[in-house]
């Protein structure tokens, strides 16, 4: 992408091409991301390997066919065209421009993709990430992780140009550079872990998040009025005043299960703000 040192101009969609992804995973099956608060000094990274270590070429070929079918289905849909049009409106695109800054590239981290072999919604979510990567040259490497990923899925993702993480970060990746976190339908605790690990203005302002609506979490709290419910979302609720959120149109029957309730979240925190005063 051509960019000046001060104000890079993010490109419009580019033709489809091969892409490189570094994979964490996120899934629709029951996940084993640890709940609760783990302070940074106490955090212990957990090495991860696929639980299912059996695969064969036929199984991998069938999975690849399923993914390619989903990509084609999504790419030819009105949902994708609407999604792409919304992303490129100045109202939203300027936030990407601001986040990328002089870096010129923004990495993508995908958490909780789920089992792409067993279920269509995770395949559609992966397809959306793939299409975005193909369309925009300013999206850099893509990392993916979900503890349910099996060996066959890992190999297929590698064939697609992806790299699967070997450490379960539990969502606690620090955004030391511009990063898009692609996390539709993750548990609230995972979003909270991400925010807690980045509870500084400079780090939060490096983040663009595609995932469950923070506004909806706030509305749910007013309904449930449950302390445990609030505690598992305390960073999500505390940061709401510094987040600009744009919901996506997920009314299409074919894609509702994969993307309903998903929003873009952009962070705008004063660099001089002491977030310790913003109590989660």
C-alpha atoms as a PDB file:
ATOM      1  CA  UNK A   1       0.000   0.000   0.000  1.00  0.00           C
ATOM      2  CA  UNK A   2       1.333   3.411  -0.903  1.00  0.00           C
ATOM      3  CA  UNK A   3       1.422   5.654   2.130  1.00  0.00           C
ATOM      4  CA  UNK A   4       3.083   8.886   3.202  1.00  0.00           C
ATOM      5  CA  UNK A   5       4.991   9.085   6.454  1.00  0.00           C
ATOM      6  CA  UNK A   6       2.251  11.158   8.068  1.00  0.00           C
ATOM      7  CA  UNK A   7      -1.062  10.221   6.536  1.00  0.00           C
ATOM      8  CA  UNK A   8      -1.175   6.893   4.692  1.00  0.00           C
ATOM      9  CA  UNK A   9      -4.028   6.387   2.290  1.00  0.00           C
ATOM     10  CA  UNK A  10      -5.578   2.986   2.802  1.00  0.00           C
ATOM     11  CA  UNK A  11      -6.233   1.366  -0.524  1.00  0.00           C
ATOM     12  CA  UNK A  12      -9.583   0.377  -1.870  1.00  0.00           C
ATOM     13  CA  UNK A  13     -10.209  -3.331  -2.503  1.00  0.00           C
ATOM     14  CA  UNK A  14      -7.509  -5.152  -4.409  1.00  0.00           C
ATOM     15  CA  UNK A  15      -7.912  -8.253  -6.579  1.00  0.00           C
ATOM     16  CA  UNK A  16      -7.988 -11.637  -4.874  1.00  0.00           C
ATOM     17  CA  UNK A  17      -4.563 -13.027  -4.090  1.00  0.00           C
ATOM     18  CA  UNK A  18      -2.828 -15.484  -1.819  1.00  0.00           C
ATOM     19  CA  UNK A  19      -2.533 -14.410   1.783  1.00  0.00           C
ATOM     20  CA  UNK A  20      -0.556 -15.271   4.868  1.00  0.00           C
ATOM     21  CA  UNK A  21      -2.263 -15.893   8.163  1.00  0.00           C
ATOM     22  CA  UNK A  22      -0.932 -16.584  11.613  1.00  0.00           C
ATOM     23  CA  UNK A  23      -3.531 -18.533  13.426  1.00  0.00           C
ATOM     24  CA  UNK A  24      -5.055 -18.417  16.792  1.00  0.00           C
ATOM     25  CA  UNK A  25      -8.467 -20.058  16.958  1.00  0.00           C
ATOM     26  CA  UNK A  26     -11.973 -19.366  18.023  1.00  0.00           C
ATOM     27  CA  UNK A  27     -14.874 -21.740  18.011  1.00  0.00           C
ATOM     28  CA  UNK A  28     -18.515 -22.323  18.481  1.00  0.00           C
ATOM     29  CA  UNK A  29     -17.863 -25.418  20.517  1.00  0.00           C
ATOM     30  CA  UNK A  30     -17.223 -25.208  24.219  1.00  0.00           C
ATOM     31  CA  UNK A  31     -13.948 -23.363  24.670  1.00  0.00           C
ATOM     32  CA  UNK A  32     -11.380 -23.773  27.403  1.00  0.00           C
ATOM     33  CA  UNK A  33     -10.238 -20.151  27.619  1.00  0.00           C
ATOM     34  CA  UNK A  34      -9.722 -19.645  31.346  1.00  0.00           C
ATOM     35  CA  UNK A  35     -12.195 -17.334  33.020  1.00  0.00           C
ATOM     36  CA  UNK A  36     -11.400 -14.799  35.653  1.00  0.00           C
ATOM     37  CA  UNK A  37      -8.623 -12.275  35.995  1.00  0.00           C
ATOM     38  CA  UNK A  38      -5.013 -13.327  35.543  1.00  0.00           C
ATOM     39  CA  UNK A  39      -2.641 -10.469  36.263  1.00  0.00           C
ATOM     40  CA  UNK A  40       0.125  -9.979  33.724  1.00  0.00           C
ATOM     41  CA  UNK A  41       2.884 -10.842  36.181  1.00  0.00           C
ATOM     42  CA  UNK A  42       1.088 -14.076  37.064  1.00  0.00           C
ATOM     43  CA  UNK A  43       0.135 -15.100  33.559  1.00  0.00           C
ATOM     44  CA  UNK A  44       1.537 -18.393  32.390  1.00  0.00           C
ATOM     45  CA  UNK A  45       1.405 -19.024  28.690  1.00  0.00           C
ATOM     46  CA  UNK A  46       0.002 -22.412  27.852  1.00  0.00           C
ATOM     47  CA  UNK A  47       1.659 -24.319  25.057  1.00  0.00           C
ATOM     48  CA  UNK A  48      -0.947 -25.802  22.755  1.00  0.00           C
ATOM     49  CA  UNK A  49      -1.089 -28.675  20.305  1.00  0.00           C
ATOM     50  CA  UNK A  50      -4.163 -30.095  18.528  1.00  0.00           C
ATOM     51  CA  UNK A  51      -6.021 -32.600  20.692  1.00  0.00           C
ATOM     52  CA  UNK A  52      -7.009 -34.590  17.595  1.00  0.00           C
ATOM     53  CA  UNK A  53      -3.764 -35.769  16.012  1.00  0.00           C
ATOM     54  CA  UNK A  54      -5.305 -37.989  13.333  1.00  0.00           C
ATOM     55  CA  UNK A  55      -5.782 -36.780   9.770  1.00  0.00           C
ATOM     56  CA  UNK A  56      -5.450 -37.924   6.176  1.00  0.00           C
ATOM     57  CA  UNK A  57      -5.384 -36.313   2.705  1.00  0.00           C
ATOM     58  CA  UNK A  58      -9.008 -37.201   1.957  1.00  0.00           C
ATOM     59  CA  UNK A  59     -10.269 -35.556   5.130  1.00  0.00           C
ATOM     60  CA  UNK A  60      -8.224 -32.437   4.479  1.00  0.00           C
ATOM     61  CA  UNK A  61      -9.411 -32.267   0.864  1.00  0.00           C
ATOM     62  CA  UNK A  62     -13.067 -32.435   1.919  1.00  0.00           C
ATOM     63  CA  UNK A  63     -12.507 -29.662   4.459  1.00  0.00           C
ATOM     64  CA  UNK A  64     -10.782 -27.462   1.892  1.00  0.00           C
ATOM     65  CA  UNK A  65     -13.732 -27.954  -0.474  1.00  0.00           C
ATOM     66  CA  UNK A  66     -16.133 -26.899   2.286  1.00  0.00           C
ATOM     67  CA  UNK A  67     -14.148 -23.724   2.936  1.00  0.00           C
ATOM     68  CA  UNK A  68     -13.861 -22.833  -0.748  1.00  0.00           C
ATOM     69  CA  UNK A  69     -17.624 -23.335  -1.097  1.00  0.00           C
ATOM     70  CA  UNK A  70     -18.228 -20.949   1.807  1.00  0.00           C
ATOM     71  CA  UNK A  71     -15.871 -18.357   0.353  1.00  0.00           C
ATOM     72  CA  UNK A  72     -17.704 -18.454  -2.984  1.00  0.00           C
ATOM     73  CA  UNK A  73     -21.093 -18.357  -1.261  1.00  0.00           C
ATOM     74  CA  UNK A  74     -20.114 -15.314   0.786  1.00  0.00           C
ATOM     75  CA  UNK A  75     -18.326 -13.505  -2.030  1.00  0.00           C
ATOM     76  CA  UNK A  76     -21.389 -13.704  -4.315  1.00  0.00           C
ATOM     77  CA  UNK A  77     -23.843 -12.626  -1.612  1.00  0.00           C
ATOM     78  CA  UNK A  78     -25.575  -9.310  -1.005  1.00  0.00           C
ATOM     79  CA  UNK A  79     -24.374  -9.606   2.604  1.00  0.00           C
ATOM     80  CA  UNK A  80     -20.725  -9.310   1.497  1.00  0.00           C
ATOM     81  CA  UNK A  81     -21.463  -6.362  -0.786  1.00  0.00           C
ATOM     82  CA  UNK A  82     -23.310  -4.556   2.010  1.00  0.00           C
ATOM     83  CA  UNK A  83     -20.531  -5.366   4.486  1.00  0.00           C
ATOM     84  CA  UNK A  84     -17.876  -4.085   2.066  1.00  0.00           C
ATOM     85  CA  UNK A  85     -19.819  -0.906   1.283  1.00  0.00           C
ATOM     86  CA  UNK A  86     -20.222  -0.136   4.979  1.00  0.00           C
ATOM     87  CA  UNK A  87     -16.551  -0.771   5.714  1.00  0.00           C
ATOM     88  CA  UNK A  88     -15.541   1.701   3.001  1.00  0.00           C
ATOM     89  CA  UNK A  89     -17.791   4.567   4.094  1.00  0.00           C
ATOM     90  CA  UNK A  90     -15.728   7.541   5.366  1.00  0.00           C
ATOM     91  CA  UNK A  91     -17.481   7.190   8.724  1.00  0.00           C
ATOM     92  CA  UNK A  92     -15.793   3.799   9.254  1.00  0.00           C
ATOM     93  CA  UNK A  93     -12.831   3.811   6.874  1.00  0.00           C
ATOM     94  CA  UNK A  94     -11.307   6.896   8.536  1.00  0.00           C
ATOM     95  CA  UNK A  95     -10.981   4.867  11.747  1.00  0.00           C
ATOM     96  CA  UNK A  96      -8.885   2.283   9.908  1.00  0.00           C
ATOM     97  CA  UNK A  97      -6.799   5.097   8.453  1.00  0.00           C
ATOM     98  CA  UNK A  98      -6.212   6.531  11.900  1.00  0.00           C
ATOM     99  CA  UNK A  99      -5.335   3.158  13.445  1.00  0.00           C
ATOM    100  CA  UNK A 100      -2.904   2.089  10.724  1.00  0.00           C
ATOM    101  CA  UNK A 101      -1.125   5.443  10.875  1.00  0.00           C
ATOM    102  CA  UNK A 102       2.441   5.432   9.608  1.00  0.00           C
ATOM    103  CA  UNK A 103       2.741   1.662  10.092  1.00  0.00           C
ATOM    104  CA  UNK A 104       1.174   1.011   6.688  1.00  0.00           C
ATOM    105  CA  UNK A 105      -0.073  -2.432   7.747  1.00  0.00           C
ATOM    106  CA  UNK A 106      -2.455  -3.814  10.313  1.00  0.00           C
ATOM    107  CA  UNK A 107      -2.161  -7.371  11.516  1.00  0.00           C
ATOM    108  CA  UNK A 108      -5.289  -9.465  12.069  1.00  0.00           C
ATOM    109  CA  UNK A 109      -5.704 -11.730  15.092  1.00  0.00           C
ATOM    110  CA  UNK A 110      -8.576 -14.214  14.990  1.00  0.00           C
ATOM    111  CA  UNK A 111      -9.617 -15.720  18.297  1.00  0.00           C
ATOM    112  CA  UNK A 112     -12.247 -18.412  18.822  1.00  0.00           C
ATOM    113  CA  UNK A 113     -12.909 -19.436  15.234  1.00  0.00           C
ATOM    114  CA  UNK A 114     -14.310 -22.769  16.402  1.00  0.00           C
ATOM    115  CA  UNK A 115     -14.429 -26.010  14.458  1.00  0.00           C
ATOM    116  CA  UNK A 116     -14.359 -25.107  10.774  1.00  0.00           C
ATOM    117  CA  UNK A 117     -14.660 -28.793   9.948  1.00  0.00           C
ATOM    118  CA  UNK A 118     -17.861 -29.406  11.907  1.00  0.00           C
ATOM    119  CA  UNK A 119     -19.907 -26.220  11.508  1.00  0.00           C
ATOM    120  CA  UNK A 120     -20.757 -23.750   8.753  1.00  0.00           C
ATOM    121  CA  UNK A 121     -20.871 -20.531  10.870  1.00  0.00           C
ATOM    122  CA  UNK A 122     -17.142 -20.776  11.740  1.00  0.00           C
ATOM    123  CA  UNK A 123     -16.377 -21.461   8.062  1.00  0.00           C
ATOM    124  CA  UNK A 124     -18.332 -18.366   7.061  1.00  0.00           C
ATOM    125  CA  UNK A 125     -16.524 -16.282   9.663  1.00  0.00           C
ATOM    126  CA  UNK A 126     -13.176 -17.531   8.405  1.00  0.00           C
ATOM    127  CA  UNK A 127     -14.317 -16.806   4.843  1.00  0.00           C
ATOM    128  CA  UNK A 128     -15.090 -13.212   5.784  1.00  0.00           C
ATOM    129  CA  UNK A 129     -11.593 -12.783   7.208  1.00  0.00           C
ATOM    130  CA  UNK A 130     -10.089 -14.349   4.095  1.00  0.00           C
ATOM    131  CA  UNK A 131     -12.040 -12.070   1.770  1.00  0.00           C
ATOM    132  CA  UNK A 132     -11.055  -8.987   3.758  1.00  0.00           C
ATOM    133  CA  UNK A 133      -7.410 -10.007   3.587  1.00  0.00           C
ATOM    134  CA  UNK A 134      -7.657 -10.554  -0.155  1.00  0.00           C
ATOM    135  CA  UNK A 135      -9.387  -7.231  -0.744  1.00  0.00           C
ATOM    136  CA  UNK A 136      -7.202  -4.902   1.309  1.00  0.00           C
ATOM    137  CA  UNK A 137      -3.411  -4.844   1.013  1.00  0.00           C
ATOM    138  CA  UNK A 138      -3.117  -2.910   4.282  1.00  0.00           C
ATOM    139  CA  UNK A 139      -4.207  -6.003   6.208  1.00  0.00           C
ATOM    140  CA  UNK A 140      -0.980  -7.785   7.042  1.00  0.00           C
ATOM    141  CA  UNK A 141      -0.335 -11.169   8.616  1.00  0.00           C
ATOM    142  CA  UNK A 142      -3.288 -13.010  10.118  1.00  0.00           C
ATOM    143  CA  UNK A 143      -2.961 -15.035  13.287  1.00  0.00           C
ATOM    144  CA  UNK A 144      -5.622 -17.511  14.396  1.00  0.00           C
ATOM    145  CA  UNK A 145      -6.253 -19.530  17.538  1.00  0.00           C
ATOM    146  CA  UNK A 146      -8.954 -21.658  19.088  1.00  0.00           C
ATOM    147  CA  UNK A 147      -8.296 -24.596  21.405  1.00  0.00           C
ATOM    148  CA  UNK A 148     -10.749 -26.791  19.473  1.00  0.00           C
ATOM    149  CA  UNK A 149      -8.739 -26.734  16.232  1.00  0.00           C
ATOM    150  CA  UNK A 150      -7.767 -30.236  15.180  1.00  0.00           C
ATOM    151  CA  UNK A 151      -4.745 -31.356  13.159  1.00  0.00           C
ATOM    152  CA  UNK A 152      -6.696 -31.571   9.895  1.00  0.00           C
ATOM    153  CA  UNK A 153      -8.003 -28.021  10.362  1.00  0.00           C
ATOM    154  CA  UNK A 154      -4.543 -26.780  11.262  1.00  0.00           C
ATOM    155  CA  UNK A 155      -3.058 -28.236   8.076  1.00  0.00           C
ATOM    156  CA  UNK A 156      -5.826 -26.856   5.881  1.00  0.00           C
ATOM    157  CA  UNK A 157      -5.393 -23.424   7.420  1.00  0.00           C
ATOM    158  CA  UNK A 158      -1.669 -23.650   6.711  1.00  0.00           C
ATOM    159  CA  UNK A 159      -2.459 -24.524   3.091  1.00  0.00           C
ATOM    160  CA  UNK A 160      -4.601 -21.396   2.931  1.00  0.00           C
ATOM    161  CA  UNK A 161      -1.565 -19.407   3.994  1.00  0.00           C
ATOM    162  CA  UNK A 162      -2.390 -19.365   7.681  1.00  0.00           C
ATOM    163  CA  UNK A 163      -0.187 -19.974  10.675  1.00  0.00           C
ATOM    164  CA  UNK A 164      -1.762 -21.482  13.796  1.00  0.00           C
ATOM    165  CA  UNK A 165      -0.512 -20.195  17.143  1.00  0.00           C
ATOM    166  CA  UNK A 166       1.133 -22.762  19.381  1.00  0.00           C
ATOM    167  CA  UNK A 167       0.352 -20.829  22.576  1.00  0.00           C
ATOM    168  CA  UNK A 168      -3.071 -20.235  24.084  1.00  0.00           C
ATOM    169  CA  UNK A 169      -2.910 -16.509  24.800  1.00  0.00           C
ATOM    170  CA  UNK A 170      -6.368 -16.559  26.387  1.00  0.00           C
ATOM    171  CA  UNK A 171      -7.078 -13.362  24.479  1.00  0.00           C
ATOM    172  CA  UNK A 172      -4.318 -11.453  26.253  1.00  0.00           C
ATOM    173  CA  UNK A 173      -2.408 -10.196  23.223  1.00  0.00           C
ATOM    174  CA  UNK A 174      -0.991  -6.715  23.714  1.00  0.00           C
ATOM    175  CA  UNK A 175      -1.556  -4.475  20.701  1.00  0.00           C
ATOM    176  CA  UNK A 176       1.962  -3.066  20.454  1.00  0.00           C
ATOM    177  CA  UNK A 177       1.175  -2.176  16.839  1.00  0.00           C
ATOM    178  CA  UNK A 178      -2.084  -1.641  14.914  1.00  0.00           C
ATOM    179  CA  UNK A 179      -4.118  -4.819  15.255  1.00  0.00           C
ATOM    180  CA  UNK A 180      -7.536  -5.927  14.101  1.00  0.00           C
ATOM    181  CA  UNK A 181      -8.994  -8.476  16.502  1.00  0.00           C
ATOM    182  CA  UNK A 182     -11.533 -10.585  14.604  1.00  0.00           C
ATOM    183  CA  UNK A 183     -13.680 -12.204  17.305  1.00  0.00           C
ATOM    184  CA  UNK A 184     -17.344 -12.694  16.349  1.00  0.00           C
ATOM    185  CA  UNK A 185     -19.339 -14.666  18.941  1.00  0.00           C
ATOM    186  CA  UNK A 186     -16.555 -15.116  21.473  1.00  0.00           C
ATOM    187  CA  UNK A 187     -17.387 -15.330  25.177  1.00  0.00           C
ATOM    188  CA  UNK A 188     -17.513 -12.026  27.052  1.00  0.00           C
ATOM    189  CA  UNK A 189     -14.591 -13.111  29.226  1.00  0.00           C
ATOM    190  CA  UNK A 190     -12.322 -13.263  26.180  1.00  0.00           C
ATOM    191  CA  UNK A 191     -13.106  -9.660  25.217  1.00  0.00           C
ATOM    192  CA  UNK A 192     -12.520  -8.662  28.818  1.00  0.00           C
ATOM    193  CA  UNK A 193      -9.141 -10.432  28.865  1.00  0.00           C
ATOM    194  CA  UNK A 194      -8.136  -8.553  25.718  1.00  0.00           C
ATOM    195  CA  UNK A 195      -9.087  -5.188  27.176  1.00  0.00           C
ATOM    196  CA  UNK A 196      -7.417  -5.879  30.515  1.00  0.00           C
ATOM    197  CA  UNK A 197      -4.136  -6.765  28.770  1.00  0.00           C
ATOM    198  CA  UNK A 198      -4.317  -3.470  26.844  1.00  0.00           C
ATOM    199  CA  UNK A 199      -5.578  -1.166  29.606  1.00  0.00           C
ATOM    200  CA  UNK A 200      -3.462   1.783  28.436  1.00  0.00           C
ATOM    201  CA  UNK A 201      -4.515   4.528  25.992  1.00  0.00           C
ATOM    202  CA  UNK A 202      -1.686   3.846  23.536  1.00  0.00           C
ATOM    203  CA  UNK A 203      -2.497   0.131  23.367  1.00  0.00           C
ATOM    204  CA  UNK A 204      -6.268   0.503  23.186  1.00  0.00           C
ATOM    205  CA  UNK A 205      -5.951   3.047  20.381  1.00  0.00           C
ATOM    206  CA  UNK A 206      -4.018   0.441  18.371  1.00  0.00           C
ATOM    207  CA  UNK A 207      -7.027  -1.899  18.449  1.00  0.00           C
ATOM    208  CA  UNK A 208      -9.875  -2.341  16.006  1.00  0.00           C
ATOM    209  CA  UNK A 209     -12.275  -5.028  17.170  1.00  0.00           C
ATOM    210  CA  UNK A 210     -14.845  -6.945  15.161  1.00  0.00           C
ATOM    211  CA  UNK A 211     -16.988  -8.925  17.542  1.00  0.00           C
ATOM    212  CA  UNK A 212     -20.017  -8.995  19.818  1.00  0.00           C
ATOM    213  CA  UNK A 213     -21.681  -5.659  20.455  1.00  0.00           C
ATOM    214  CA  UNK A 214     -20.396  -3.909  23.596  1.00  0.00           C
ATOM    215  CA  UNK A 215     -23.563  -1.826  23.595  1.00  0.00           C
ATOM    216  CA  UNK A 216     -25.617  -5.022  23.812  1.00  0.00           C
ATOM    217  CA  UNK A 217     -23.569  -6.168  26.817  1.00  0.00           C
ATOM    218  CA  UNK A 218     -24.373  -2.880  28.535  1.00  0.00           C
ATOM    219  CA  UNK A 219     -28.061  -3.265  27.761  1.00  0.00           C
ATOM    220  CA  UNK A 220     -28.028  -6.849  29.033  1.00  0.00           C
ATOM    221  CA  UNK A 221     -26.583  -5.674  32.346  1.00  0.00           C
ATOM    222  CA  UNK A 222     -29.549  -3.383  32.884  1.00  0.00           C
ATOM    223  CA  UNK A 223     -31.802  -6.396  32.366  1.00  0.00           C
ATOM    224  CA  UNK A 224     -29.993  -9.052  34.394  1.00  0.00           C
ATOM    225  CA  UNK A 225     -28.524  -6.819  37.145  1.00  0.00           C
ATOM    226  CA  UNK A 226     -26.220  -9.643  38.151  1.00  0.00           C
ATOM    227  CA  UNK A 227     -22.885  -8.974  39.868  1.00  0.00           C
ATOM    228  CA  UNK A 228     -21.265 -12.066  38.373  1.00  0.00           C
ATOM    229  CA  UNK A 229     -22.511 -11.034  34.936  1.00  0.00           C
ATOM    230  CA  UNK A 230     -21.021  -7.553  35.419  1.00  0.00           C
ATOM    231  CA  UNK A 231     -17.704  -8.837  36.801  1.00  0.00           C
ATOM    232  CA  UNK A 232     -17.023 -10.974  33.740  1.00  0.00           C
ATOM    233  CA  UNK A 233     -17.535  -7.890  31.539  1.00  0.00           C
ATOM    234  CA  UNK A 234     -16.165  -5.108  33.728  1.00  0.00           C
ATOM    235  CA  UNK A 235     -13.516  -3.874  31.273  1.00  0.00           C
ATOM    236  CA  UNK A 236     -16.019  -4.067  28.409  1.00  0.00           C
ATOM    237  CA  UNK A 237     -18.497  -1.956  30.383  1.00  0.00           C
ATOM    238  CA  UNK A 238     -15.867   0.513  31.607  1.00  0.00           C
ATOM    239  CA  UNK A 239     -14.464   1.205  28.132  1.00  0.00           C
ATOM    240  CA  UNK A 240     -17.842   1.824  26.505  1.00  0.00           C
ATOM    241  CA  UNK A 241     -17.532   5.610  26.889  1.00  0.00           C
ATOM    242  CA  UNK A 242     -14.365   5.561  24.744  1.00  0.00           C
ATOM    243  CA  UNK A 243     -15.661   3.279  21.986  1.00  0.00           C
ATOM    244  CA  UNK A 244     -17.322   4.168  18.706  1.00  0.00           C
ATOM    245  CA  UNK A 245     -19.430   1.202  17.636  1.00  0.00           C
ATOM    246  CA  UNK A 246     -20.988   0.370  14.278  1.00  0.00           C
ATOM    247  CA  UNK A 247     -23.282  -2.634  14.020  1.00  0.00           C
ATOM    248  CA  UNK A 248     -23.346  -4.634  10.793  1.00  0.00           C
ATOM    249  CA  UNK A 249     -26.418  -5.744   8.872  1.00  0.00           C
ATOM    250  CA  UNK A 250     -26.813  -9.454   9.620  1.00  0.00           C
ATOM    251  CA  UNK A 251     -30.458  -9.805   8.615  1.00  0.00           C
ATOM    252  CA  UNK A 252     -29.668 -12.210   5.765  1.00  0.00           C
ATOM    253  CA  UNK A 253     -31.045 -15.663   6.585  1.00  0.00           C
ATOM    254  CA  UNK A 254     -27.954 -17.384   5.142  1.00  0.00           C
ATOM    255  CA  UNK A 255     -25.514 -15.480   7.332  1.00  0.00           C
ATOM    256  CA  UNK A 256     -27.503 -14.584  10.442  1.00  0.00           C
ATOM    257  CA  UNK A 257     -26.137 -17.408  12.597  1.00  0.00           C
ATOM    258  CA  UNK A 258     -22.542 -16.517  11.733  1.00  0.00           C
ATOM    259  CA  UNK A 259     -22.698 -12.757  12.221  1.00  0.00           C
ATOM    260  CA  UNK A 260     -25.759 -11.659  14.192  1.00  0.00           C
ATOM    261  CA  UNK A 261     -25.016  -9.130  16.912  1.00  0.00           C
ATOM    262  CA  UNK A 262     -21.566  -8.310  15.482  1.00  0.00           C
ATOM    263  CA  UNK A 263     -20.144  -4.798  15.433  1.00  0.00           C
ATOM    264  CA  UNK A 264     -17.031  -2.841  14.564  1.00  0.00           C
ATOM    265  CA  UNK A 265     -15.472  -1.233  17.650  1.00  0.00           C
ATOM    266  CA  UNK A 266     -12.999   1.664  17.399  1.00  0.00           C
ATOM    267  CA  UNK A 267     -11.197   3.046  20.442  1.00  0.00           C
ATOM    268  CA  UNK A 268     -10.575   6.730  21.050  1.00  0.00           C
ATOM    269  CA  UNK A 269      -8.836   7.200  24.393  1.00  0.00           C
ATOM    270  CA  UNK A 270      -7.070  10.441  25.330  1.00  0.00           C
ATOM    271  CA  UNK A 271      -3.323   9.594  25.423  1.00  0.00           C
ATOM    272  CA  UNK A 272      -2.992  11.545  28.696  1.00  0.00           C
ATOM    273  CA  UNK A 273      -5.869   9.772  30.416  1.00  0.00           C
ATOM    274  CA  UNK A 274      -4.998   7.716  33.481  1.00  0.00           C
ATOM    275  CA  UNK A 275      -7.153   4.634  32.947  1.00  0.00           C
ATOM    276  CA  UNK A 276      -6.656   3.686  36.591  1.00  0.00           C
ATOM    277  CA  UNK A 277      -9.269   6.351  37.238  1.00  0.00           C
ATOM    278  CA  UNK A 278     -11.679   4.523  34.937  1.00  0.00           C
ATOM    279  CA  UNK A 279     -12.541   1.720  37.278  1.00  0.00           C
ATOM    280  CA  UNK A 280     -13.732  -1.502  35.640  1.00  0.00           C
END
